[in-house]
C-alpha atoms as a PDB file:
ATOM      1  CA  MET A   1      11.037 -21.890   5.751  1.00  0.00           C
ATOM      2  CA  ILE A   2       7.657 -21.081   4.251  1.00  0.00           C
ATOM      3  CA  LYS A   3       7.922 -18.876   1.226  1.00  0.00           C
ATOM      4  CA  THR A   4       4.815 -19.420  -0.795  1.00  0.00           C
ATOM      5  CA  VAL A   5       1.362 -19.815   0.638  1.00  0.00           C
ATOM      6  CA  ALA A   6      -1.813 -20.938  -1.028  1.00  0.00           C
ATOM      7  CA  ILE A   7      -4.888 -19.222  -0.241  1.00  0.00           C
ATOM      8  CA  GLN A   8      -8.711 -19.834  -1.305  1.00  0.00           C
ATOM      9  CA  GLY A   9      -9.640 -16.583  -2.997  1.00  0.00           C
ATOM     10  CA  VAL A  10      -7.689 -13.725  -4.565  1.00  0.00           C
ATOM     11  CA  LYS A  11      -5.841 -10.878  -3.164  1.00  0.00           C
ATOM     12  CA  GLY A  12      -8.130  -8.681  -0.893  1.00  0.00           C
ATOM     13  CA  SER A  13      -9.875 -11.994   0.435  1.00  0.00           C
ATOM     14  CA  PHE A  14      -9.733 -12.680   4.175  1.00  0.00           C
ATOM     15  CA  HIS A  15      -7.584 -15.602   3.484  1.00  0.00           C
ATOM     16  CA  HIS A  16      -5.026 -13.095   1.941  1.00  0.00           C
ATOM     17  CA  ILE A  17      -5.482 -10.824   4.868  1.00  0.00           C
ATOM     18  CA  VAL A  18      -4.372 -13.526   7.340  1.00  0.00           C
ATOM     19  CA  SER A  19      -1.529 -14.805   4.989  1.00  0.00           C
ATOM     20  CA  GLN A  20      -0.073 -11.230   5.674  1.00  0.00           C
ATOM     21  CA  GLN A  21      -0.807 -10.917   9.139  1.00  0.00           C
ATOM     22  CA  TYR A  22       0.570 -14.398  10.123  1.00  0.00           C
ATOM     23  CA  PHE A  23       3.646 -14.201   8.158  1.00  0.00           C
ATOM     24  CA  GLU A  24       4.088 -10.598   8.225  1.00  0.00           C
ATOM     25  CA  ASN A  25       4.363  -9.858   4.571  1.00  0.00           C
ATOM     26  CA  GLN A  26       7.180 -12.187   4.060  1.00  0.00           C
ATOM     27  CA  VAL A  27       5.467 -14.729   1.784  1.00  0.00           C
ATOM     28  CA  THR A  28       4.241 -14.759  -1.960  1.00  0.00           C
ATOM     29  CA  VAL A  29       0.686 -15.737  -2.125  1.00  0.00           C
ATOM     30  CA  LYS A  30      -0.922 -18.385  -4.701  1.00  0.00           C
ATOM     31  CA  GLU A  31      -4.382 -17.433  -5.514  1.00  0.00           C
ATOM     32  CA  CYS A  32      -6.733 -20.434  -5.732  1.00  0.00           C
ATOM     33  CA  LEU A  33     -10.457 -20.406  -6.141  1.00  0.00           C
ATOM     34  CA  THR A  34     -11.443 -23.649  -4.129  1.00  0.00           C
ATOM     35  CA  PHE A  35      -9.735 -25.032  -1.076  1.00  0.00           C
ATOM     36  CA  ASP A  36      -9.278 -28.339  -3.064  1.00  0.00           C
ATOM     37  CA  GLU A  37      -7.137 -26.537  -5.621  1.00  0.00           C
ATOM     38  CA  ALA A  38      -5.133 -24.896  -2.416  1.00  0.00           C
ATOM     39  CA  VAL A  39      -4.479 -28.180  -0.955  1.00  0.00           C
ATOM     40  CA  GLN A  40      -3.398 -29.625  -4.094  1.00  0.00           C
ATOM     41  CA  SER A  41      -0.676 -26.906  -4.810  1.00  0.00           C
ATOM     42  CA  LEU A  42       0.527 -28.011  -1.219  1.00  0.00           C
ATOM     43  CA  ILE A  43       0.739 -31.865  -2.011  1.00  0.00           C
ATOM     44  CA  LEU A  44       2.576 -31.078  -5.668  1.00  0.00           C
ATOM     45  CA  ASP A  45       5.080 -28.631  -3.566  1.00  0.00           C
ATOM     46  CA  GLN A  46       3.862 -25.955  -5.612  1.00  0.00           C
ATOM     47  CA  THR A  47       3.431 -24.116  -2.061  1.00  0.00           C
ATOM     48  CA  ASP A  48       4.958 -24.481   1.575  1.00  0.00           C
ATOM     49  CA  ALA A  49       1.624 -23.990   3.177  1.00  0.00           C
ATOM     50  CA  VAL A  50      -2.168 -23.529   3.083  1.00  0.00           C
ATOM     51  CA  VAL A  51      -4.230 -20.994   4.889  1.00  0.00           C
ATOM     52  CA  MET A  52      -7.472 -22.471   5.471  1.00  0.00           C
ATOM     53  CA  ALA A  53     -10.667 -21.178   7.431  1.00  0.00           C
ATOM     54  CA  LEU A  54     -12.137 -23.827   9.929  1.00  0.00           C
ATOM     55  CA  GLU A  55     -14.862 -22.198  11.776  1.00  0.00           C
ATOM     56  CA  ASN A  56     -16.648 -18.970  12.407  1.00  0.00           C
ATOM     57  CA  SER A  57     -18.384 -17.253  15.250  1.00  0.00           C
ATOM     58  CA  ILE A  58     -21.594 -16.871  13.501  1.00  0.00           C
ATOM     59  CA  ALA A  59     -21.938 -19.529  10.693  1.00  0.00           C
ATOM     60  CA  GLY A  60     -20.020 -22.500  12.653  1.00  0.00           C
ATOM     61  CA  SER A  61     -17.559 -25.128  11.462  1.00  0.00           C
ATOM     62  CA  ILE A  62     -16.557 -25.417   7.713  1.00  0.00           C
ATOM     63  CA  ILE A  63     -16.864 -29.154   7.854  1.00  0.00           C
ATOM     64  CA  PRO A  64     -15.548 -30.087   4.451  1.00  0.00           C
ATOM     65  CA  ASN A  65     -12.013 -28.655   5.331  1.00  0.00           C
ATOM     66  CA  TYR A  66     -11.835 -30.781   8.277  1.00  0.00           C
ATOM     67  CA  ALA A  67     -12.154 -33.825   5.746  1.00  0.00           C
ATOM     68  CA  LEU A  68      -9.586 -32.079   3.261  1.00  0.00           C
ATOM     69  CA  ILE A  69      -7.037 -32.162   6.258  1.00  0.00           C
ATOM     70  CA  ASP A  70      -7.736 -35.513   7.105  1.00  0.00           C
ATOM     71  CA  ASN A  71      -7.780 -37.151   3.968  1.00  0.00           C
ATOM     72  CA  HIS A  72      -4.602 -35.772   2.860  1.00  0.00           C
ATOM     73  CA  ASN A  73      -2.885 -36.479   5.709  1.00  0.00           C
ATOM     74  CA  LEU A  74      -1.906 -32.805   6.318  1.00  0.00           C
ATOM     75  CA  HIS A  75      -0.795 -31.068   9.620  1.00  0.00           C
ATOM     76  CA  ILE A  76      -1.973 -27.827  11.523  1.00  0.00           C
ATOM     77  CA  VAL A  77       1.101 -26.060  12.399  1.00  0.00           C
ATOM     78  CA  GLY A  78      -0.559 -22.937  13.469  1.00  0.00           C
ATOM     79  CA  GLU A  79      -3.833 -20.676  13.824  1.00  0.00           C
ATOM     80  CA  HIS A  80      -4.824 -17.223  13.484  1.00  0.00           C
ATOM     81  CA  TYR A  81      -8.166 -15.391  14.518  1.00  0.00           C
ATOM     82  CA  LEU A  82      -9.408 -12.564  12.052  1.00  0.00           C
ATOM     83  CA  ASP A  83     -12.068 -10.129  13.272  1.00  0.00           C
ATOM     84  CA  VAL A  84     -14.204 -10.291   9.876  1.00  0.00           C
ATOM     85  CA  GLN A  85     -15.988  -7.239   8.775  1.00  0.00           C
ATOM     86  CA  HIS A  86     -17.976  -7.537   5.799  1.00  0.00           C
ATOM     87  CA  HIS A  87     -18.837  -4.393   3.738  1.00  0.00           C
ATOM     88  CA  LEU A  88     -20.984  -3.933   1.028  1.00  0.00           C
ATOM     89  CA  MET A  89     -19.091  -2.321  -2.421  1.00  0.00           C
ATOM     90  CA  ALA A  90     -19.910  -1.483  -6.181  1.00  0.00           C
ATOM     91  CA  LEU A  91     -18.470   0.583  -8.802  1.00  0.00           C
ATOM     92  CA  PRO A  92     -18.536   4.625  -7.913  1.00  0.00           C
ATOM     93  CA  ASN A  93     -21.472   6.777  -8.478  1.00  0.00           C
ATOM     94  CA  GLN A  94     -24.120   4.221  -7.413  1.00  0.00           C
ATOM     95  CA  ASP A  95     -26.148   3.820  -4.157  1.00  0.00           C
ATOM     96  CA  ILE A  96     -27.847   0.953  -2.557  1.00  0.00           C
ATOM     97  CA  ASN A  97     -31.151   1.479  -4.625  1.00  0.00           C
ATOM     98  CA  ASP A  98     -29.343   0.967  -7.725  1.00  0.00           C
ATOM     99  CA  ILE A  99     -28.197  -2.512  -6.896  1.00  0.00           C
ATOM    100  CA  VAL A 100     -30.140  -5.455  -7.815  1.00  0.00           C
ATOM    101  CA  GLU A 101     -27.901  -8.329  -7.378  1.00  0.00           C
ATOM    102  CA  VAL A 102     -25.223  -9.300  -4.476  1.00  0.00           C
ATOM    103  CA  TYR A 103     -22.956 -11.721  -5.354  1.00  0.00           C
ATOM    104  CA  SER A 104     -20.753 -13.443  -2.607  1.00  0.00           C
ATOM    105  CA  HIS A 105     -19.280 -16.546  -0.911  1.00  0.00           C
ATOM    106  CA  PRO A 106     -22.275 -18.538   1.013  1.00  0.00           C
ATOM    107  CA  MET A 107     -20.614 -18.042   4.206  1.00  0.00           C
ATOM    108  CA  ALA A 108     -20.600 -14.256   3.733  1.00  0.00           C
ATOM    109  CA  LEU A 109     -24.182 -14.141   2.562  1.00  0.00           C
ATOM    110  CA  LEU A 110     -25.251 -16.228   5.605  1.00  0.00           C
ATOM    111  CA  GLN A 111     -23.553 -13.847   8.058  1.00  0.00           C
ATOM    112  CA  CYS A 112     -25.245 -10.892   6.478  1.00  0.00           C
ATOM    113  CA  LYS A 113     -28.715 -12.084   5.857  1.00  0.00           C
ATOM    114  CA  GLU A 114     -30.246  -9.713   8.304  1.00  0.00           C
ATOM    115  CA  PHE A 115     -29.066  -6.952   6.415  1.00  0.00           C
ATOM    116  CA  PHE A 116     -30.605  -7.977   3.273  1.00  0.00           C
ATOM    117  CA  LYS A 117     -34.101  -8.467   4.899  1.00  0.00           C
ATOM    118  CA  LYS A 118     -34.128  -4.479   4.800  1.00  0.00           C
ATOM    119  CA  HIS A 119     -33.596  -4.421   1.075  1.00  0.00           C
ATOM    120  CA  PRO A 120     -35.640  -7.058  -0.586  1.00  0.00           C
ATOM    121  CA  HIS A 121     -35.474  -5.885  -3.989  1.00  0.00           C
ATOM    122  CA  ILE A 122     -31.769  -7.114  -3.943  1.00  0.00           C
ATOM    123  CA  LYS A 123     -31.304 -10.882  -5.182  1.00  0.00           C
ATOM    124  CA  LEU A 124     -28.582 -12.800  -3.522  1.00  0.00           C
ATOM    125  CA  VAL A 125     -26.267 -15.005  -5.568  1.00  0.00           C
ATOM    126  CA  GLU A 126     -23.795 -17.743  -4.088  1.00  0.00           C
ATOM    127  CA  ASP A 127     -20.254 -17.210  -5.594  1.00  0.00           C
ATOM    128  CA  LYS A 128     -16.914 -18.798  -4.936  1.00  0.00           C
ATOM    129  CA  ASP A 129     -14.988 -15.876  -3.190  1.00  0.00           C
ATOM    130  CA  THR A 130     -15.631 -12.464  -1.706  1.00  0.00           C
ATOM    131  CA  ALA A 131     -12.799 -10.608  -3.078  1.00  0.00           C
ATOM    132  CA  GLU A 132     -12.848 -12.405  -6.398  1.00  0.00           C
ATOM    133  CA  VAL A 133     -16.393 -10.860  -7.230  1.00  0.00           C
ATOM    134  CA  ALA A 134     -15.085  -7.561  -6.097  1.00  0.00           C
ATOM    135  CA  GLN A 135     -12.223  -7.956  -8.735  1.00  0.00           C
ATOM    136  CA  ARG A 136     -14.832  -9.222 -11.717  1.00  0.00           C
ATOM    137  CA  ILE A 137     -16.843  -6.058 -10.836  1.00  0.00           C
ATOM    138  CA  GLN A 138     -13.985  -3.626 -11.679  1.00  0.00           C
ATOM    139  CA  SER A 139     -12.486  -5.863 -14.466  1.00  0.00           C
ATOM    140  CA  LYS A 140     -15.911  -6.082 -16.216  1.00  0.00           C
ATOM    141  CA  ASN A 141     -17.284  -2.473 -15.521  1.00  0.00           C
ATOM    142  CA  ILE A 142     -20.478  -4.149 -13.935  1.00  0.00           C
ATOM    143  CA  LYS A 143     -23.010  -1.645 -12.746  1.00  0.00           C
ATOM    144  CA  GLY A 144     -26.074  -2.858 -10.577  1.00  0.00           C
ATOM    145  CA  VAL A 145     -24.266  -5.376  -8.960  1.00  0.00           C
ATOM    146  CA  ALA A 146     -22.509  -5.293  -5.388  1.00  0.00           C
ATOM    147  CA  ALA A 147     -19.791  -7.611  -3.605  1.00  0.00           C
ATOM    148  CA  ILE A 148     -19.471  -8.257  -0.075  1.00  0.00           C
ATOM    149  CA  ALA A 149     -15.807  -7.961   0.793  1.00  0.00           C
ATOM    150  CA  SER A 150     -13.177  -6.767   2.983  1.00  0.00           C
ATOM    151  CA  LYS A 151     -12.052  -3.084   3.170  1.00  0.00           C
ATOM    152  CA  LEU A 152      -8.707  -4.036   1.369  1.00  0.00           C
ATOM    153  CA  ALA A 153     -10.637  -5.498  -1.391  1.00  0.00           C
ATOM    154  CA  SER A 154     -12.498  -2.173  -2.100  1.00  0.00           C
ATOM    155  CA  GLU A 155      -9.236  -0.348  -2.248  1.00  0.00           C
ATOM    156  CA  LEU A 156      -7.338  -2.739  -4.403  1.00  0.00           C
ATOM    157  CA  PHE A 157     -10.199  -2.912  -6.868  1.00  0.00           C
ATOM    158  CA  ASN A 158     -11.199   0.810  -6.468  1.00  0.00           C
ATOM    159  CA  LEU A 159     -14.945   0.349  -5.296  1.00  0.00           C
ATOM    160  CA  ASN A 160     -17.259   2.263  -3.200  1.00  0.00           C
ATOM    161  CA  ILE A 161     -18.416   1.090  -0.051  1.00  0.00           C
ATOM    162  CA  LEU A 162     -22.141   1.281   0.319  1.00  0.00           C
ATOM    163  CA  ALA A 163     -22.518  -0.053   3.544  1.00  0.00           C
ATOM    164  CA  GLU A 164     -19.907  -0.869   6.256  1.00  0.00           C
ATOM    165  CA  SER A 165     -19.686  -4.050   8.647  1.00  0.00           C
ATOM    166  CA  ILE A 166     -23.224  -5.334   7.481  1.00  0.00           C
ATOM    167  CA  GLN A 167     -22.695  -8.739   9.303  1.00  0.00           C
ATOM    168  CA  THR A 168     -25.334  -9.519  11.530  1.00  0.00           C
ATOM    169  CA  ILE A 169     -23.232  -9.641  14.703  1.00  0.00           C
ATOM    170  CA  LYS A 170     -20.754  -7.070  14.619  1.00  0.00           C
ATOM    171  CA  HIS A 171     -17.797  -9.050  16.683  1.00  0.00           C
ATOM    172  CA  ASN A 172     -17.602 -11.746  13.737  1.00  0.00           C
ATOM    173  CA  GLU A 173     -14.459 -13.854  14.114  1.00  0.00           C
ATOM    174  CA  THR A 174     -13.330 -16.644  12.024  1.00  0.00           C
ATOM    175  CA  ARG A 175     -10.420 -19.154  13.005  1.00  0.00           C
ATOM    176  CA  PHE A 176      -7.933 -20.006  10.338  1.00  0.00           C
ATOM    177  CA  VAL A 177      -5.155 -22.678  10.566  1.00  0.00           C
ATOM    178  CA  ILE A 178      -1.960 -22.859   8.742  1.00  0.00           C
ATOM    179  CA  VAL A 179      -1.650 -26.199   6.969  1.00  0.00           C
ATOM    180  CA  LYS A 180       1.579 -27.911   5.825  1.00  0.00           C
ATOM    181  CA  LYS A 181       2.792 -31.604   4.833  1.00  0.00           C
ATOM    182  CA  GLU A 182       5.102 -31.953   7.752  1.00  0.00           C
ATOM    183  CA  ASN A 183       4.398 -31.279  11.358  1.00  0.00           C
ATOM    184  CA  HIS A 184       7.695 -29.924  13.175  1.00  0.00           C
ATOM    185  CA  GLU A 185       7.388 -25.916  13.412  1.00  0.00           C
ATOM    186  CA  ILE A 186       8.258 -25.286  17.071  1.00  0.00           C
ATOM    187  CA  SER A 187       9.653 -27.016  20.156  1.00  0.00           C
ATOM    188  CA  GLU A 188       7.606 -29.154  22.686  1.00  0.00           C
ATOM    189  CA  GLU A 189       7.973 -26.415  25.207  1.00  0.00           C
ATOM    190  CA  GLU A 190       6.109 -23.895  22.938  1.00  0.00           C
ATOM    191  CA  ILE A 191       3.045 -26.397  22.187  1.00  0.00           C
ATOM    192  CA  ASN A 192      -0.023 -25.886  23.931  1.00  0.00           C
ATOM    193  CA  LYS A 193      -2.632 -26.828  21.833  1.00  0.00           C
ATOM    194  CA  ALA A 194      -3.315 -29.725  19.309  1.00  0.00           C
ATOM    195  CA  SER A 195      -6.022 -30.982  16.988  1.00  0.00           C
ATOM    196  CA  ILE A 196      -6.978 -34.791  17.004  1.00  0.00           C
ATOM    197  CA  LYS A 197      -9.344 -37.151  15.319  1.00  0.00           C
ATOM    198  CA  PHE A 198     -10.634 -40.331  16.245  1.00  0.00           C
ATOM    199  CA  GLU A 199     -13.541 -42.809  16.025  1.00  0.00           C
ATOM    200  CA  LEU A 200     -15.557 -44.649  18.623  1.00  0.00           C
ATOM    201  CA  GLU A 201     -17.294 -47.684  18.837  1.00  0.00           C
ATOM    202  CA  HIS A 202     -21.084 -47.517  18.944  1.00  0.00           C
ATOM    203  CA  LYS A 203     -21.732 -48.252  22.815  1.00  0.00           C
ATOM    204  CA  ARG A 204     -23.029 -46.509  25.468  1.00  0.00           C
ATOM    205  CA  GLY A 205     -20.424 -44.021  27.501  1.00  0.00           C
ATOM    206  CA  SER A 206     -17.431 -44.498  24.933  1.00  0.00           C
ATOM    207  CA  LEU A 207     -17.418 -40.648  24.198  1.00  0.00           C
ATOM    208  CA  ALA A 208     -17.801 -39.880  27.850  1.00  0.00           C
ATOM    209  CA  ALA A 209     -14.910 -42.140  28.888  1.00  0.00           C
ATOM    210  CA  MET A 210     -12.742 -40.145  26.362  1.00  0.00           C
ATOM    211  CA  LEU A 211     -13.682 -36.636  27.922  1.00  0.00           C
ATOM    212  CA  ASN A 212     -13.011 -38.112  31.409  1.00  0.00           C
ATOM    213  CA  VAL A 213      -9.342 -39.106  30.223  1.00  0.00           C
ATOM    214  CA  MET A 214      -9.085 -35.417  28.786  1.00  0.00           C
ATOM    215  CA  SER A 215     -10.166 -34.175  32.325  1.00  0.00           C
ATOM    216  CA  ASP A 216      -8.151 -36.241  34.159  1.00  0.00           C
ATOM    217  CA  CYS A 217      -5.017 -35.555  32.074  1.00  0.00           C
ATOM    218  CA  LYS A 218      -5.604 -31.727  32.572  1.00  0.00           C
ATOM    219  CA  LEU A 219      -6.622 -31.006  28.872  1.00  0.00           C
ATOM    220  CA  ASN A 220      -9.047 -28.304  28.286  1.00  0.00           C
ATOM    221  CA  LEU A 221     -11.501 -29.348  25.334  1.00  0.00           C
ATOM    222  CA  THR A 222     -11.980 -26.084  23.280  1.00  0.00           C
ATOM    223  CA  LYS A 223     -13.574 -27.765  20.288  1.00  0.00           C
ATOM    224  CA  ILE A 224     -15.701 -31.051  19.298  1.00  0.00           C
ATOM    225  CA  GLN A 225     -17.068 -31.639  15.879  1.00  0.00           C
ATOM    226  CA  SER A 226     -18.394 -35.028  14.493  1.00  0.00           C
ATOM    227  CA  LEU A 227     -18.221 -36.097  10.887  1.00  0.00           C
ATOM    228  CA  PRO A 228     -20.123 -39.034   9.586  1.00  0.00           C
ATOM    229  CA  LYS A 229     -18.122 -41.804   7.902  1.00  0.00           C
ATOM    230  CA  MET A 230     -19.614 -42.112   4.251  1.00  0.00           C
ATOM    231  CA  GLU A 231     -18.466 -45.653   3.922  1.00  0.00           C
ATOM    232  CA  THR A 232     -20.064 -46.661   7.173  1.00  0.00           C
ATOM    233  CA  PRO A 233     -23.815 -45.413   7.759  1.00  0.00           C
ATOM    234  CA  TRP A 234     -24.034 -44.089  11.377  1.00  0.00           C
ATOM    235  CA  LYS A 235     -20.639 -44.191  12.433  1.00  0.00           C
ATOM    236  CA  TYR A 236     -18.809 -40.937  13.043  1.00  0.00           C
ATOM    237  CA  ALA A 237     -15.353 -39.550  13.164  1.00  0.00           C
ATOM    238  CA  PHE A 238     -14.489 -36.847  16.004  1.00  0.00           C
ATOM    239  CA  PHE A 239     -12.423 -33.756  15.399  1.00  0.00           C
ATOM    240  CA  ILE A 240     -11.471 -32.115  18.592  1.00  0.00           C
ATOM    241  CA  ASP A 241      -9.128 -29.263  19.810  1.00  0.00           C
ATOM    242  CA  VAL A 242      -7.567 -29.408  23.363  1.00  0.00           C
ATOM    243  CA  THR A 243      -5.335 -26.935  25.320  1.00  0.00           C
ATOM    244  CA  PHE A 244      -2.970 -27.654  27.835  1.00  0.00           C
ATOM    245  CA  ASP A 245      -0.224 -26.002  30.031  1.00  0.00           C
ATOM    246  CA  VAL A 246       2.106 -29.031  30.262  1.00  0.00           C
ATOM    247  CA  TYR A 247       3.384 -31.341  27.081  1.00  0.00           C
ATOM    248  CA  GLU A 248       3.664 -34.141  29.118  1.00  0.00           C
ATOM    249  CA  ASP A 249       0.156 -33.996  30.525  1.00  0.00           C
ATOM    250  CA  TYR A 250      -1.005 -33.896  26.684  1.00  0.00           C
ATOM    251  CA  LYS A 251       1.314 -36.952  25.817  1.00  0.00           C
ATOM    252  CA  LYS A 252      -0.187 -38.967  28.654  1.00  0.00           C
ATOM    253  CA  ALA A 253      -3.855 -38.408  27.604  1.00  0.00           C
ATOM    254  CA  ILE A 254      -3.165 -39.189  23.690  1.00  0.00           C
ATOM    255  CA  SER A 255      -1.227 -42.454  24.899  1.00  0.00           C
ATOM    256  CA  ILE A 256      -4.614 -43.596  26.447  1.00  0.00           C
ATOM    257  CA  MET A 257      -6.610 -42.412  23.850  1.00  0.00           C
ATOM    258  CA  GLU A 258      -5.008 -44.006  21.132  1.00  0.00           C
ATOM    259  CA  ILE A 259      -5.861 -47.507  23.113  1.00  0.00           C
ATOM    260  CA  MET A 260      -9.455 -46.384  23.521  1.00  0.00           C
ATOM    261  CA  THR A 261     -10.351 -45.188  20.157  1.00  0.00           C
ATOM    262  CA  GLU A 262     -10.093 -46.448  16.394  1.00  0.00           C
ATOM    263  CA  ASP A 263      -8.118 -44.590  13.670  1.00  0.00           C
ATOM    264  CA  PHE A 264      -6.518 -42.214  15.892  1.00  0.00           C
ATOM    265  CA  LYS A 265      -4.703 -39.337  14.376  1.00  0.00           C
ATOM    266  CA  ILE A 266      -3.017 -36.034  15.584  1.00  0.00           C
ATOM    267  CA  LEU A 267      -3.630 -33.566  12.671  1.00  0.00           C
ATOM    268  CA  GLY A 268      -1.326 -30.876  14.665  1.00  0.00           C
ATOM    269  CA  GLU A 269       0.321 -29.492  17.515  1.00  0.00           C
ATOM    270  CA  TYR A 270       1.092 -25.785  17.636  1.00  0.00           C
ATOM    271  CA  LYS A 271       0.989 -22.556  19.767  1.00  0.00           C
ATOM    272  CA  LYS A 272      -2.750 -21.547  20.531  1.00  0.00           C
ATOM    273  CA  ALA A 273      -3.388 -17.856  19.235  1.00  0.00           C
ATOM    274  CA  LYS A 274      -5.709 -15.401  21.138  1.00  0.00           C
ATOM    275  CA  PRO A 275      -8.957 -14.800  19.524  1.00  0.00           C
END
């Protein structure tokens, strides 16, 4: 049973919101400023699971997190989609013309860059976490500086929202995964999605052959991401997500894929969530 969950960020962050929604407020949260720290807490048995963002509908994949899951032989046991709304917030009795700097996570700044083109007097500064900036502004009583964070962060840290939903694309979803050391959360009958990693030889048609196997076995490819192998220049590992209606179809596919690929690994088998 999951009792303690590690998140990247502090309470009020989007990872915190996901932990409360996915586990329905039934878990204790351990705040970590980096994903590496969150994963270490899991490896050292300080926590039972990690909530980890993997991709965003605007900014794309968070590639280092794929490597963290793979390198530490962790398992994805669930997923959750969150509609991410970025709000600009600062201490009370200020307006946007009083703001000279905005600190936030690089991903949040990227998702909101069009908004700040209209406010060229504001300097954008990359930071570790959205909600942690909001917390710092409150605790140190910093004026002239704003954070980009969730509505929950503004409520927790008593900040005023200067502008709502400032992300470039208003429907802005992030896919989060729940990661554990073991992979036995649900029965085979409930499993309808899997995350897989493999490597292929450098020869014509090798990836196409894999795609044909998936198609023949009635798997739906929902995600493909390549990562370079640092120790082998110009060789790549592929991370894929597939969905299926029948678990036996999936089992047949992976039995073939294991033979056709190198370093084949199942990163997780779980129940797909609705975007």
